[in-house]
Amino acid sequence: MSDTGMSDTGMSETGMSETGTIPERQRPLMEATLRIIGRNGIDGVTHRAVAAEAGLSLGAITHHFRSRDALVEAALRHALARETGRLQALALSLQGKTMDAGAWLDALTAWYADELKGNAEAHIACYEAFLAAARSRRHADVVQAWFATWRQSAALALAAAGSADPPRHAELFVATLTGLVLQQLAAPRRSFRRETRDALGRLVDGLLSQDA
């Protein structure tokens, strides 16, 4: 281990590379950890539990992640990168065109509808992290980064759609979206995609009309 906290392999104690990315070989560990957090909360994460969930040896987990906290933080950062990467890619894909806010919302709500059907535990894990950050500062940094990246992605799309105050409007948009996703996780509805699209559409129309 070097004085910088990096091992000779270039990995930090969180299992992340010097560039802050998760190596491809560790993705199964991250996904397994998120599933456990989604089912049992952060306190349910242990090296043994992740090894069993991922179908790997205990040594394979402890080799990459020396502590439970490092494992949890790496999984949360993996989830952050995955979700916000998708949101940023969606906003950027529309930026070079005449921005169609409706198309952006269609794609966004379709993605969340599919995600919450097939990958709900990973999203529950995100909200577990929010609650954990409210109780202690341990995971506050990753949660703050999460919301900042969410807001940046929304601001990018809203600016392209004609918002006169993208940062302020993005705050409202992200607060609404996270609330709607949480509601769907807690009380699933078959009409989630349609109702969420309608709610976000009314919100965006109202925000943009204020600038007209």
N, C-alpha and C. Protein backbone atom coordinates (compact mmCIF):
# COMPACT_ATOMS: atom_id res chain seq x y z
N MET A 1 0.85 -1.19 0.00
CA MET A 1 0.00 0.00 0.00
C MET A 1 0.88 1.24 0.00
N SER A 2 0.61 2.19 -0.87
CA SER A 2 1.41 3.40 -0.95
C SER A 2 0.91 4.43 0.05
N ASP A 3 1.66 5.54 0.18
CA ASP A 3 1.26 6.60 1.10
C ASP A 3 -0.03 7.27 0.68
N THR A 4 -0.45 7.11 -0.56
CA THR A 4 -1.67 7.75 -1.06
C THR A 4 -2.91 6.94 -0.75
N GLY A 5 -2.73 5.72 -0.17
CA GLY A 5 -3.90 4.88 0.09
C GLY A 5 -4.21 3.98 -1.06
N MET A 6 -3.39 4.00 -2.12
CA MET A 6 -3.58 3.13 -3.27
C MET A 6 -2.68 1.92 -3.12
N SER A 7 -3.17 0.77 -3.52
CA SER A 7 -2.35 -0.43 -3.50
C SER A 7 -1.42 -0.43 -4.69
N ASP A 8 -0.53 -1.40 -4.72
CA ASP A 8 0.40 -1.49 -5.84
C ASP A 8 -0.30 -1.77 -7.15
N THR A 9 -1.54 -2.22 -7.09
CA THR A 9 -2.31 -2.50 -8.30
C THR A 9 -3.07 -1.28 -8.79
N GLY A 10 -2.94 -0.15 -8.04
CA GLY A 10 -3.63 1.07 -8.45
C GLY A 10 -5.05 1.15 -7.95
N MET A 11 -5.42 0.28 -6.97
CA MET A 11 -6.77 0.28 -6.44
C MET A 11 -6.77 0.92 -5.06
N SER A 12 -7.82 1.69 -4.75
CA SER A 12 -7.97 2.28 -3.43
C SER A 12 -8.61 1.27 -2.50
N GLU A 13 -8.73 1.63 -1.22
CA GLU A 13 -9.35 0.73 -0.27
C GLU A 13 -10.84 0.53 -0.55
N THR A 14 -11.44 1.39 -1.35
CA THR A 14 -12.83 1.20 -1.74
C THR A 14 -12.96 0.27 -2.94
N GLY A 15 -11.83 -0.21 -3.47
CA GLY A 15 -11.89 -1.09 -4.63
C GLY A 15 -11.99 -0.35 -5.94
N MET A 16 -11.92 0.98 -5.92
CA MET A 16 -12.06 1.78 -7.12
C MET A 16 -10.68 2.11 -7.67
N SER A 17 -10.60 2.30 -8.98
CA SER A 17 -9.34 2.64 -9.61
C SER A 17 -9.00 4.09 -9.37
N GLU A 18 -7.80 4.50 -9.79
CA GLU A 18 -7.37 5.88 -9.62
C GLU A 18 -8.28 6.86 -10.34
N THR A 19 -8.97 6.39 -11.38
CA THR A 19 -9.89 7.26 -12.13
C THR A 19 -11.28 7.30 -11.51
N GLY A 20 -11.51 6.52 -10.42
CA GLY A 20 -12.79 6.54 -9.75
C GLY A 20 -13.81 5.61 -10.36
N THR A 21 -13.39 4.72 -11.25
CA THR A 21 -14.31 3.79 -11.88
C THR A 21 -14.21 2.41 -11.26
N ILE A 22 -15.26 1.62 -11.41
CA ILE A 22 -15.28 0.25 -10.91
C ILE A 22 -14.78 -0.67 -12.01
N PRO A 23 -13.74 -1.47 -11.76
CA PRO A 23 -13.28 -2.41 -12.79
C PRO A 23 -14.39 -3.38 -13.18
N GLU A 24 -14.40 -3.78 -14.43
CA GLU A 24 -15.46 -4.66 -14.94
C GLU A 24 -15.59 -5.93 -14.11
N ARG A 25 -14.48 -6.49 -13.64
CA ARG A 25 -14.53 -7.75 -12.90
C ARG A 25 -15.22 -7.59 -11.55
N GLN A 26 -15.36 -6.35 -11.06
CA GLN A 26 -16.01 -6.13 -9.78
C GLN A 26 -17.49 -5.82 -9.89
N ARG A 27 -17.99 -5.69 -11.10
CA ARG A 27 -19.41 -5.36 -11.27
C ARG A 27 -20.34 -6.38 -10.61
N PRO A 28 -20.06 -7.69 -10.73
CA PRO A 28 -20.94 -8.65 -10.04
C PRO A 28 -20.98 -8.43 -8.53
N LEU A 29 -19.87 -8.01 -7.95
CA LEU A 29 -19.85 -7.73 -6.52
C LEU A 29 -20.71 -6.52 -6.19
N MET A 30 -20.64 -5.50 -7.05
CA MET A 30 -21.43 -4.29 -6.84
C MET A 30 -22.93 -4.59 -6.94
N GLU A 31 -23.29 -5.34 -7.97
CA GLU A 31 -24.71 -5.66 -8.16
C GLU A 31 -25.23 -6.52 -7.02
N ALA A 32 -24.41 -7.47 -6.56
CA ALA A 32 -24.81 -8.31 -5.44
C ALA A 32 -24.99 -7.48 -4.17
N THR A 33 -24.08 -6.55 -3.93
CA THR A 33 -24.18 -5.68 -2.75
C THR A 33 -25.43 -4.82 -2.80
N LEU A 34 -25.74 -4.30 -3.97
CA LEU A 34 -26.95 -3.47 -4.11
C LEU A 34 -28.21 -4.29 -3.88
N ARG A 35 -28.22 -5.53 -4.34
CA ARG A 35 -29.40 -6.37 -4.11
C ARG A 35 -29.60 -6.62 -2.61
N ILE A 36 -28.50 -6.83 -1.91
CA ILE A 36 -28.60 -7.05 -0.47
C ILE A 36 -29.09 -5.79 0.23
N ILE A 37 -28.56 -4.64 -0.14
CA ILE A 37 -29.01 -3.38 0.46
C ILE A 37 -30.50 -3.18 0.18
N GLY A 38 -30.92 -3.49 -1.05
CA GLY A 38 -32.32 -3.33 -1.41
C GLY A 38 -33.24 -4.22 -0.60
N ARG A 39 -32.78 -5.43 -0.28
CA ARG A 39 -33.61 -6.37 0.48
C ARG A 39 -33.53 -6.17 1.98
N ASN A 40 -32.32 -5.91 2.49
CA ASN A 40 -32.09 -5.95 3.92
C ASN A 40 -31.53 -4.67 4.52
N GLY A 41 -31.31 -3.64 3.69
CA GLY A 41 -30.72 -2.41 4.19
C GLY A 41 -29.20 -2.50 4.24
N ILE A 42 -28.57 -1.37 4.49
CA ILE A 42 -27.11 -1.32 4.52
C ILE A 42 -26.56 -2.22 5.62
N ASP A 43 -27.26 -2.32 6.74
CA ASP A 43 -26.78 -3.16 7.84
C ASP A 43 -26.75 -4.65 7.46
N GLY A 44 -27.44 -5.01 6.39
CA GLY A 44 -27.44 -6.40 5.96
C GLY A 44 -26.21 -6.80 5.16
N VAL A 45 -25.37 -5.81 4.81
CA VAL A 45 -24.18 -6.09 3.99
C VAL A 45 -23.05 -6.62 4.87
N THR A 46 -22.57 -7.80 4.54
CA THR A 46 -21.35 -8.36 5.12
C THR A 46 -20.56 -8.98 3.97
N HIS A 47 -19.28 -9.23 4.21
CA HIS A 47 -18.48 -9.88 3.19
C HIS A 47 -19.05 -11.25 2.85
N ARG A 48 -19.48 -11.99 3.87
CA ARG A 48 -20.03 -13.33 3.64
C ARG A 48 -21.33 -13.27 2.86
N ALA A 49 -22.18 -12.29 3.19
CA ALA A 49 -23.46 -12.17 2.49
C ALA A 49 -23.25 -11.85 1.02
N VAL A 50 -22.31 -10.95 0.72
CA VAL A 50 -22.03 -10.59 -0.66
C VAL A 50 -21.42 -11.77 -1.41
N ALA A 51 -20.52 -12.50 -0.76
CA ALA A 51 -19.92 -13.67 -1.39
C ALA A 51 -20.99 -14.69 -1.77
N ALA A 52 -21.93 -14.93 -0.85
CA ALA A 52 -23.00 -15.89 -1.12
C ALA A 52 -23.91 -15.38 -2.24
N GLU A 53 -24.25 -14.10 -2.21
CA GLU A 53 -25.13 -13.53 -3.23
C GLU A 53 -24.50 -13.56 -4.61
N ALA A 54 -23.19 -13.29 -4.66
CA ALA A 54 -22.48 -13.24 -5.95
C ALA A 54 -21.99 -14.60 -6.40
N GLY A 55 -22.08 -15.61 -5.52
CA GLY A 55 -21.59 -16.93 -5.87
C GLY A 55 -20.08 -17.00 -5.95
N LEU A 56 -19.40 -16.24 -5.08
CA LEU A 56 -17.95 -16.19 -5.07
C LEU A 56 -17.42 -16.57 -3.69
N SER A 57 -16.12 -16.76 -3.60
CA SER A 57 -15.52 -17.10 -2.32
C SER A 57 -15.40 -15.85 -1.45
N LEU A 58 -15.33 -16.07 -0.14
CA LEU A 58 -15.15 -14.95 0.78
C LEU A 58 -13.84 -14.22 0.48
N GLY A 59 -12.81 -14.97 0.15
CA GLY A 59 -11.53 -14.37 -0.14
C GLY A 59 -11.57 -13.44 -1.34
N ALA A 60 -12.43 -13.76 -2.33
CA ALA A 60 -12.54 -12.91 -3.51
C ALA A 60 -13.11 -11.55 -3.15
N ILE A 61 -13.96 -11.50 -2.13
CA ILE A 61 -14.55 -10.23 -1.70
C ILE A 61 -13.54 -9.43 -0.88
N THR A 62 -12.94 -10.09 0.10
CA THR A 62 -12.02 -9.37 0.99
C THR A 62 -10.74 -8.94 0.26
N HIS A 63 -10.41 -9.63 -0.83
CA HIS A 63 -9.24 -9.23 -1.61
C HIS A 63 -9.43 -7.82 -2.19
N HIS A 64 -10.64 -7.54 -2.64
CA HIS A 64 -10.91 -6.24 -3.27
C HIS A 64 -11.38 -5.20 -2.27
N PHE A 65 -12.08 -5.64 -1.21
CA PHE A 65 -12.67 -4.69 -0.27
C PHE A 65 -12.33 -5.13 1.15
N ARG A 66 -11.43 -4.41 1.77
CA ARG A 66 -10.94 -4.80 3.09
C ARG A 66 -11.98 -4.59 4.18
N SER A 67 -12.84 -3.59 3.99
CA SER A 67 -13.84 -3.29 5.01
C SER A 67 -15.24 -3.30 4.42
N ARG A 68 -16.21 -3.50 5.28
CA ARG A 68 -17.61 -3.48 4.88
C ARG A 68 -17.99 -2.09 4.36
N ASP A 69 -17.52 -1.05 5.04
CA ASP A 69 -17.85 0.31 4.63
C ASP A 69 -17.33 0.61 3.22
N ALA A 70 -16.14 0.12 2.90
CA ALA A 70 -15.58 0.33 1.57
C ALA A 70 -16.43 -0.38 0.52
N LEU A 71 -16.91 -1.56 0.85
CA LEU A 71 -17.76 -2.32 -0.07
C LEU A 71 -19.07 -1.59 -0.32
N VAL A 72 -19.69 -1.10 0.74
CA VAL A 72 -20.96 -0.37 0.60
C VAL A 72 -20.76 0.91 -0.21
N GLU A 73 -19.70 1.66 0.11
CA GLU A 73 -19.47 2.92 -0.61
C GLU A 73 -19.23 2.66 -2.09
N ALA A 74 -18.45 1.64 -2.41
CA ALA A 74 -18.18 1.33 -3.81
C ALA A 74 -19.46 0.95 -4.54
N ALA A 75 -20.33 0.18 -3.88
CA ALA A 75 -21.59 -0.22 -4.52
C ALA A 75 -22.48 0.98 -4.76
N LEU A 76 -22.54 1.88 -3.79
CA LEU A 76 -23.37 3.08 -3.96
C LEU A 76 -22.83 3.97 -5.07
N ARG A 77 -21.52 4.09 -5.14
CA ARG A 77 -20.93 4.91 -6.21
C ARG A 77 -21.14 4.24 -7.57
N HIS A 78 -21.14 2.94 -7.60
CA HIS A 78 -21.44 2.22 -8.84
C HIS A 78 -22.87 2.51 -9.28
N ALA A 79 -23.80 2.47 -8.33
CA ALA A 79 -25.20 2.76 -8.66
C ALA A 79 -25.36 4.19 -9.12
N LEU A 80 -24.65 5.11 -8.47
CA LEU A 80 -24.68 6.52 -8.87
C LEU A 80 -24.21 6.68 -10.31
N ALA A 81 -23.07 6.08 -10.62
CA ALA A 81 -22.51 6.22 -11.97
C ALA A 81 -23.43 5.61 -13.01
N ARG A 82 -24.03 4.50 -12.66
CA ARG A 82 -24.92 3.81 -13.61
C ARG A 82 -26.16 4.64 -13.93
N GLU A 83 -26.82 5.13 -12.88
CA GLU A 83 -28.07 5.85 -13.10
C GLU A 83 -27.86 7.23 -13.68
N THR A 84 -26.94 7.99 -13.10
CA THR A 84 -26.73 9.34 -13.60
C THR A 84 -26.06 9.32 -14.98
N GLY A 85 -25.27 8.27 -15.25
CA GLY A 85 -24.69 8.13 -16.59
C GLY A 85 -25.77 7.99 -17.63
N ARG A 86 -26.80 7.23 -17.30
CA ARG A 86 -27.93 7.06 -18.22
C ARG A 86 -28.68 8.39 -18.41
N LEU A 87 -28.88 9.13 -17.33
CA LEU A 87 -29.59 10.40 -17.43
C LEU A 87 -28.79 11.41 -18.25
N GLN A 88 -27.48 11.44 -18.03
CA GLN A 88 -26.64 12.36 -18.78
C GLN A 88 -26.61 12.00 -20.26
N ALA A 89 -26.51 10.71 -20.55
CA ALA A 89 -26.48 10.28 -21.94
C ALA A 89 -27.78 10.64 -22.65
N LEU A 90 -28.88 10.51 -21.95
CA LEU A 90 -30.18 10.85 -22.53
C LEU A 90 -30.26 12.34 -22.83
N ALA A 91 -29.82 13.16 -21.88
CA ALA A 91 -29.86 14.61 -22.10
C ALA A 91 -28.93 15.01 -23.23
N LEU A 92 -27.73 14.44 -23.28
CA LEU A 92 -26.76 14.79 -24.31
C LEU A 92 -27.22 14.33 -25.69
N SER A 93 -27.93 13.21 -25.75
CA SER A 93 -28.38 12.70 -27.05
C SER A 93 -29.38 13.63 -27.70
N LEU A 94 -30.07 14.42 -26.89
CA LEU A 94 -31.08 15.35 -27.41
C LEU A 94 -30.55 16.76 -27.56
N GLN A 95 -29.35 17.01 -27.01
CA GLN A 95 -28.85 18.38 -26.97
C GLN A 95 -28.53 18.93 -28.35
N GLY A 96 -28.05 18.08 -29.25
CA GLY A 96 -27.65 18.56 -30.56
C GLY A 96 -28.81 18.79 -31.51
N LYS A 97 -30.01 18.47 -31.05
CA LYS A 97 -31.20 18.65 -31.88
C LYS A 97 -32.03 19.80 -31.32
N THR A 98 -33.09 20.15 -32.05
CA THR A 98 -34.06 21.05 -31.46
C THR A 98 -34.71 20.29 -30.32
N MET A 99 -34.51 20.77 -29.12
CA MET A 99 -34.89 20.00 -27.94
C MET A 99 -36.38 19.75 -27.90
N ASP A 100 -36.73 18.49 -27.82
CA ASP A 100 -38.12 18.08 -27.69
C ASP A 100 -38.29 17.58 -26.26
N ALA A 101 -38.83 18.44 -25.39
CA ALA A 101 -38.98 18.07 -23.99
C ALA A 101 -39.86 16.84 -23.85
N GLY A 102 -40.85 16.71 -24.73
CA GLY A 102 -41.72 15.54 -24.67
C GLY A 102 -40.97 14.25 -24.94
N ALA A 103 -40.08 14.27 -25.92
CA ALA A 103 -39.29 13.08 -26.23
C ALA A 103 -38.36 12.73 -25.07
N TRP A 104 -37.78 13.74 -24.45
CA TRP A 104 -36.92 13.52 -23.29
C TRP A 104 -37.70 12.86 -22.16
N LEU A 105 -38.88 13.38 -21.86
CA LEU A 105 -39.69 12.80 -20.79
C LEU A 105 -40.18 11.41 -21.14
N ASP A 106 -40.52 11.18 -22.40
CA ASP A 106 -40.93 9.83 -22.83
C ASP A 106 -39.82 8.82 -22.56
N ALA A 107 -38.60 9.18 -22.98
CA ALA A 107 -37.47 8.27 -22.81
C ALA A 107 -37.13 8.07 -21.34
N LEU A 108 -37.19 9.15 -20.58
CA LEU A 108 -36.85 9.09 -19.16
C LEU A 108 -37.83 8.20 -18.40
N THR A 109 -39.11 8.41 -18.61
CA THR A 109 -40.10 7.62 -17.87
C THR A 109 -40.13 6.17 -18.35
N ALA A 110 -39.85 5.94 -19.62
CA ALA A 110 -39.77 4.56 -20.11
C ALA A 110 -38.61 3.83 -19.45
N TRP A 111 -37.48 4.51 -19.30
CA TRP A 111 -36.31 3.89 -18.68
C TRP A 111 -36.61 3.54 -17.23
N TYR A 112 -37.20 4.48 -16.50
CA TYR A 112 -37.50 4.21 -15.10
C TYR A 112 -38.55 3.11 -14.95
N ALA A 113 -39.53 3.09 -15.82
CA ALA A 113 -40.55 2.04 -15.74
C ALA A 113 -39.92 0.66 -15.92
N ASP A 114 -39.02 0.52 -16.87
CA ASP A 114 -38.35 -0.76 -17.09
C ASP A 114 -37.42 -1.09 -15.92
N GLU A 115 -36.70 -0.09 -15.43
CA GLU A 115 -35.77 -0.30 -14.32
C GLU A 115 -36.49 -0.78 -13.06
N LEU A 116 -37.60 -0.16 -12.74
CA LEU A 116 -38.28 -0.49 -11.50
C LEU A 116 -38.99 -1.84 -11.58
N LYS A 117 -39.22 -2.33 -12.78
CA LYS A 117 -39.77 -3.68 -12.93
C LYS A 117 -38.70 -4.74 -12.73
N GLY A 118 -37.53 -4.51 -13.33
CA GLY A 118 -36.51 -5.56 -13.34
C GLY A 118 -35.34 -5.35 -12.41
N ASN A 119 -35.23 -4.17 -11.83
CA ASN A 119 -34.04 -3.88 -11.02
C ASN A 119 -34.42 -3.03 -9.81
N ALA A 120 -35.56 -3.33 -9.22
CA ALA A 120 -36.08 -2.50 -8.13
C ALA A 120 -35.14 -2.46 -6.94
N GLU A 121 -34.49 -3.60 -6.62
CA GLU A 121 -33.65 -3.64 -5.42
C GLU A 121 -32.52 -2.63 -5.48
N ALA A 122 -31.95 -2.42 -6.68
CA ALA A 122 -30.86 -1.45 -6.80
C ALA A 122 -31.36 -0.04 -6.51
N HIS A 123 -32.59 0.26 -6.91
CA HIS A 123 -33.14 1.59 -6.65
C HIS A 123 -33.55 1.75 -5.19
N ILE A 124 -34.05 0.67 -4.59
CA ILE A 124 -34.33 0.72 -3.15
C ILE A 124 -33.04 1.00 -2.39
N ALA A 125 -31.94 0.41 -2.86
CA ALA A 125 -30.64 0.63 -2.23
C ALA A 125 -30.28 2.11 -2.24
N CYS A 126 -30.64 2.80 -3.30
CA CYS A 126 -30.35 4.23 -3.38
C CYS A 126 -31.06 5.00 -2.26
N TYR A 127 -32.33 4.68 -2.05
CA TYR A 127 -33.08 5.36 -1.01
C TYR A 127 -32.61 4.95 0.38
N GLU A 128 -32.13 3.72 0.52
CA GLU A 128 -31.51 3.32 1.78
C GLU A 128 -30.30 4.20 2.07
N ALA A 129 -29.54 4.52 1.03
CA ALA A 129 -28.38 5.39 1.20
C ALA A 129 -28.80 6.79 1.62
N PHE A 130 -29.91 7.28 1.07
CA PHE A 130 -30.40 8.60 1.46
C PHE A 130 -30.72 8.63 2.96
N LEU A 131 -31.40 7.57 3.42
CA LEU A 131 -31.76 7.50 4.84
C LEU A 131 -30.52 7.37 5.72
N ALA A 132 -29.56 6.57 5.25
CA ALA A 132 -28.32 6.40 6.01
C ALA A 132 -27.59 7.73 6.15
N ALA A 133 -27.58 8.52 5.07
CA ALA A 133 -26.92 9.83 5.11
C ALA A 133 -27.65 10.79 6.05
N ALA A 134 -28.96 10.62 6.19
CA ALA A 134 -29.72 11.47 7.10
C ALA A 134 -29.39 11.15 8.56
N ARG A 135 -29.01 9.88 8.81
CA ARG A 135 -28.71 9.46 10.18
C ARG A 135 -27.28 9.74 10.59
N SER A 136 -26.36 9.66 9.63
CA SER A 136 -24.95 9.90 9.93
C SER A 136 -24.28 10.46 8.69
N ARG A 137 -23.05 10.93 8.85
CA ARG A 137 -22.34 11.55 7.73
C ARG A 137 -21.58 10.53 6.91
N ARG A 138 -21.64 9.26 7.27
CA ARG A 138 -20.79 8.26 6.63
C ARG A 138 -20.97 8.22 5.12
N HIS A 139 -22.23 8.26 4.66
CA HIS A 139 -22.48 8.17 3.22
C HIS A 139 -22.95 9.50 2.63
N ALA A 140 -22.74 10.58 3.37
CA ALA A 140 -23.23 11.88 2.91
C ALA A 140 -22.58 12.32 1.61
N ASP A 141 -21.29 12.07 1.46
CA ASP A 141 -20.59 12.54 0.26
C ASP A 141 -21.15 11.92 -1.01
N VAL A 142 -21.38 10.60 -0.97
CA VAL A 142 -21.87 9.94 -2.18
C VAL A 142 -23.30 10.37 -2.48
N VAL A 143 -24.11 10.59 -1.45
CA VAL A 143 -25.49 11.03 -1.67
C VAL A 143 -25.51 12.45 -2.22
N GLN A 144 -24.66 13.32 -1.69
CA GLN A 144 -24.59 14.68 -2.22
C GLN A 144 -24.14 14.69 -3.67
N ALA A 145 -23.17 13.84 -3.99
CA ALA A 145 -22.72 13.73 -5.38
C ALA A 145 -23.84 13.23 -6.27
N TRP A 146 -24.63 12.31 -5.74
CA TRP A 146 -25.77 11.75 -6.47
C TRP A 146 -26.75 12.85 -6.88
N PHE A 147 -27.19 13.63 -5.90
CA PHE A 147 -28.16 14.68 -6.20
C PHE A 147 -27.56 15.76 -7.09
N ALA A 148 -26.29 16.08 -6.88
CA ALA A 148 -25.66 17.10 -7.72
C ALA A 148 -25.63 16.66 -9.17
N THR A 149 -25.30 15.39 -9.41
CA THR A 149 -25.23 14.89 -10.78
C THR A 149 -26.62 14.80 -11.39
N TRP A 150 -27.60 14.37 -10.60
CA TRP A 150 -28.99 14.36 -11.06
C TRP A 150 -29.42 15.76 -11.51
N ARG A 151 -29.13 16.75 -10.65
CA ARG A 151 -29.54 18.11 -10.97
C ARG A 151 -28.82 18.64 -12.22
N GLN A 152 -27.55 18.31 -12.35
CA GLN A 152 -26.81 18.75 -13.53
C GLN A 152 -27.40 18.16 -14.80
N SER A 153 -27.78 16.88 -14.75
CA SER A 153 -28.37 16.23 -15.92
C SER A 153 -29.70 16.86 -16.29
N ALA A 154 -30.53 17.09 -15.27
CA ALA A 154 -31.83 17.71 -15.52
C ALA A 154 -31.66 19.14 -16.02
N ALA A 155 -30.71 19.88 -15.45
CA ALA A 155 -30.49 21.26 -15.87
C ALA A 155 -30.05 21.32 -17.33
N LEU A 156 -29.23 20.36 -17.75
CA LEU A 156 -28.78 20.30 -19.13
C LEU A 156 -29.96 20.16 -20.09
N ALA A 157 -30.86 19.23 -19.76
CA ALA A 157 -32.02 19.01 -20.62
C ALA A 157 -32.98 20.19 -20.57
N LEU A 158 -33.21 20.74 -19.38
CA LEU A 158 -34.14 21.86 -19.25
C LEU A 158 -33.61 23.11 -19.93
N ALA A 159 -32.31 23.31 -19.89
CA ALA A 159 -31.73 24.46 -20.60
C ALA A 159 -31.95 24.33 -22.09
N ALA A 160 -31.74 23.12 -22.61
CA ALA A 160 -31.95 22.89 -24.05
C ALA A 160 -33.42 23.05 -24.43
N ALA A 161 -34.32 22.79 -23.47
CA ALA A 161 -35.76 22.93 -23.74
C ALA A 161 -36.23 24.38 -23.65
N GLY A 162 -35.35 25.27 -23.17
CA GLY A 162 -35.71 26.68 -23.14
C GLY A 162 -35.89 27.28 -21.76
N SER A 163 -35.51 26.56 -20.70
CA SER A 163 -35.65 27.10 -19.36
C SER A 163 -34.77 28.34 -19.19
N ALA A 164 -35.33 29.36 -18.53
CA ALA A 164 -34.56 30.57 -18.25
C ALA A 164 -33.77 30.45 -16.95
N ASP A 165 -34.07 29.43 -16.16
CA ASP A 165 -33.38 29.23 -14.89
C ASP A 165 -33.18 27.73 -14.67
N PRO A 166 -32.32 27.10 -15.46
CA PRO A 166 -32.15 25.64 -15.38
C PRO A 166 -31.81 25.11 -14.00
N PRO A 167 -30.90 25.73 -13.23
CA PRO A 167 -30.58 25.16 -11.91
C PRO A 167 -31.80 25.11 -10.98
N ARG A 168 -32.55 26.20 -10.93
CA ARG A 168 -33.72 26.23 -10.04
C ARG A 168 -34.78 25.25 -10.51
N HIS A 169 -35.02 25.21 -11.80
CA HIS A 169 -36.02 24.29 -12.33
C HIS A 169 -35.57 22.84 -12.16
N ALA A 170 -34.28 22.59 -12.27
CA ALA A 170 -33.77 21.23 -12.08
C ALA A 170 -33.99 20.75 -10.64
N GLU A 171 -33.85 21.65 -9.68
CA GLU A 171 -34.12 21.29 -8.28
C GLU A 171 -35.54 20.77 -8.13
N LEU A 172 -36.49 21.48 -8.71
CA LEU A 172 -37.90 21.08 -8.62
C LEU A 172 -38.14 19.77 -9.36
N PHE A 173 -37.51 19.64 -10.53
CA PHE A 173 -37.72 18.44 -11.33
C PHE A 173 -37.18 17.20 -10.61
N VAL A 174 -35.98 17.29 -10.08
CA VAL A 174 -35.36 16.15 -9.41
C VAL A 174 -36.14 15.77 -8.15
N ALA A 175 -36.58 16.77 -7.39
CA ALA A 175 -37.37 16.49 -6.19
C ALA A 175 -38.66 15.74 -6.55
N THR A 176 -39.30 16.16 -7.63
CA THR A 176 -40.53 15.49 -8.07
C THR A 176 -40.24 14.08 -8.55
N LEU A 177 -39.21 13.92 -9.36
CA LEU A 177 -38.88 12.60 -9.91
C LEU A 177 -38.52 11.62 -8.81
N THR A 178 -37.69 12.02 -7.87
CA THR A 178 -37.29 11.09 -6.80
C THR A 178 -38.49 10.71 -5.94
N GLY A 179 -39.40 11.65 -5.75
CA GLY A 179 -40.61 11.32 -4.99
C GLY A 179 -41.49 10.33 -5.72
N LEU A 180 -41.64 10.50 -7.03
CA LEU A 180 -42.47 9.59 -7.81
C LEU A 180 -41.86 8.18 -7.87
N VAL A 181 -40.54 8.12 -7.99
CA VAL A 181 -39.88 6.81 -8.01
C VAL A 181 -40.02 6.12 -6.66
N LEU A 182 -39.84 6.87 -5.58
CA LEU A 182 -40.01 6.29 -4.24
C LEU A 182 -41.42 5.76 -4.05
N GLN A 183 -42.40 6.52 -4.50
CA GLN A 183 -43.79 6.08 -4.37
C GLN A 183 -44.02 4.78 -5.13
N GLN A 184 -43.43 4.66 -6.31
CA GLN A 184 -43.61 3.44 -7.09
C GLN A 184 -42.93 2.24 -6.42
N LEU A 185 -41.79 2.47 -5.80
CA LEU A 185 -41.11 1.39 -5.10
C LEU A 185 -41.92 0.92 -3.89
N ALA A 186 -42.54 1.87 -3.20
CA ALA A 186 -43.29 1.53 -1.99
C ALA A 186 -44.68 0.99 -2.29
N ALA A 187 -45.31 1.51 -3.33
CA ALA A 187 -46.68 1.10 -3.67
C ALA A 187 -46.80 1.04 -5.19
N PRO A 188 -46.32 -0.05 -5.80
CA PRO A 188 -46.28 -0.14 -7.27
C PRO A 188 -47.65 0.01 -7.92
N ARG A 189 -47.67 0.72 -9.04
CA ARG A 189 -48.88 0.92 -9.82
C ARG A 189 -48.62 0.51 -11.26
N ARG A 190 -49.59 -0.13 -11.86
CA ARG A 190 -49.45 -0.52 -13.27
C ARG A 190 -49.35 0.71 -14.17
N SER A 191 -49.94 1.80 -13.73
CA SER A 191 -50.00 3.02 -14.54
C SER A 191 -48.82 3.95 -14.30
N PHE A 192 -47.76 3.45 -13.67
CA PHE A 192 -46.64 4.31 -13.28
C PHE A 192 -46.09 5.09 -14.47
N ARG A 193 -45.84 4.43 -15.57
CA ARG A 193 -45.21 5.12 -16.70
C ARG A 193 -46.08 6.26 -17.20
N ARG A 194 -47.36 6.00 -17.40
CA ARG A 194 -48.26 7.04 -17.91
C ARG A 194 -48.44 8.17 -16.91
N GLU A 195 -48.67 7.81 -15.65
CA GLU A 195 -48.92 8.84 -14.64
C GLU A 195 -47.67 9.69 -14.39
N THR A 196 -46.51 9.05 -14.40
CA THR A 196 -45.27 9.79 -14.18
C THR A 196 -44.98 10.71 -15.36
N ARG A 197 -45.21 10.20 -16.57
CA ARG A 197 -45.03 11.04 -17.76
C ARG A 197 -45.94 12.25 -17.71
N ASP A 198 -47.21 12.04 -17.32
CA ASP A 198 -48.15 13.15 -17.24
C ASP A 198 -47.74 14.16 -16.17
N ALA A 199 -47.33 13.67 -15.01
CA ALA A 199 -46.96 14.56 -13.91
C ALA A 199 -45.72 15.38 -14.26
N LEU A 200 -44.72 14.73 -14.82
CA LEU A 200 -43.50 15.46 -15.19
C LEU A 200 -43.76 16.41 -16.35
N GLY A 201 -44.63 16.00 -17.26
CA GLY A 201 -44.98 16.87 -18.38
C GLY A 201 -45.65 18.15 -17.91
N ARG A 202 -46.58 18.01 -16.96
CA ARG A 202 -47.25 19.20 -16.42
C ARG A 202 -46.25 20.09 -15.69
N LEU A 203 -45.34 19.47 -14.97
CA LEU A 203 -44.33 20.25 -14.25
C LEU A 203 -43.45 21.03 -15.21
N VAL A 204 -42.92 20.36 -16.23
CA VAL A 204 -42.02 21.02 -17.17
C VAL A 204 -42.76 22.10 -17.95
N ASP A 205 -43.98 21.81 -18.38
CA ASP A 205 -44.77 22.83 -19.09
C ASP A 205 -44.96 24.06 -18.22
N GLY A 206 -45.25 23.83 -16.94
CA GLY A 206 -45.46 24.96 -16.03
C GLY A 206 -44.18 25.77 -15.82
N LEU A 207 -43.04 25.07 -15.69
CA LEU A 207 -41.78 25.77 -15.51
C LEU A 207 -41.40 26.59 -16.73
N LEU A 208 -41.58 26.00 -17.90
CA LEU A 208 -41.21 26.70 -19.14
C LEU A 208 -42.18 27.84 -19.43
N SER A 209 -43.45 27.69 -19.05
CA SER A 209 -44.43 28.76 -19.31
C SER A 209 -44.14 29.99 -18.46
N GLN A 210 -43.48 29.79 -17.31
CA GLN A 210 -43.12 30.92 -16.47
C GLN A 210 -42.10 31.82 -17.18
N ASP A 211 -41.34 31.20 -18.11
CA ASP A 211 -40.29 31.95 -18.79
C ASP A 211 -40.77 32.56 -20.09
N ALA A 212 -41.98 32.23 -20.50
CA ALA A 212 -42.46 32.70 -21.80
C ALA A 212 -42.79 34.19 -21.76
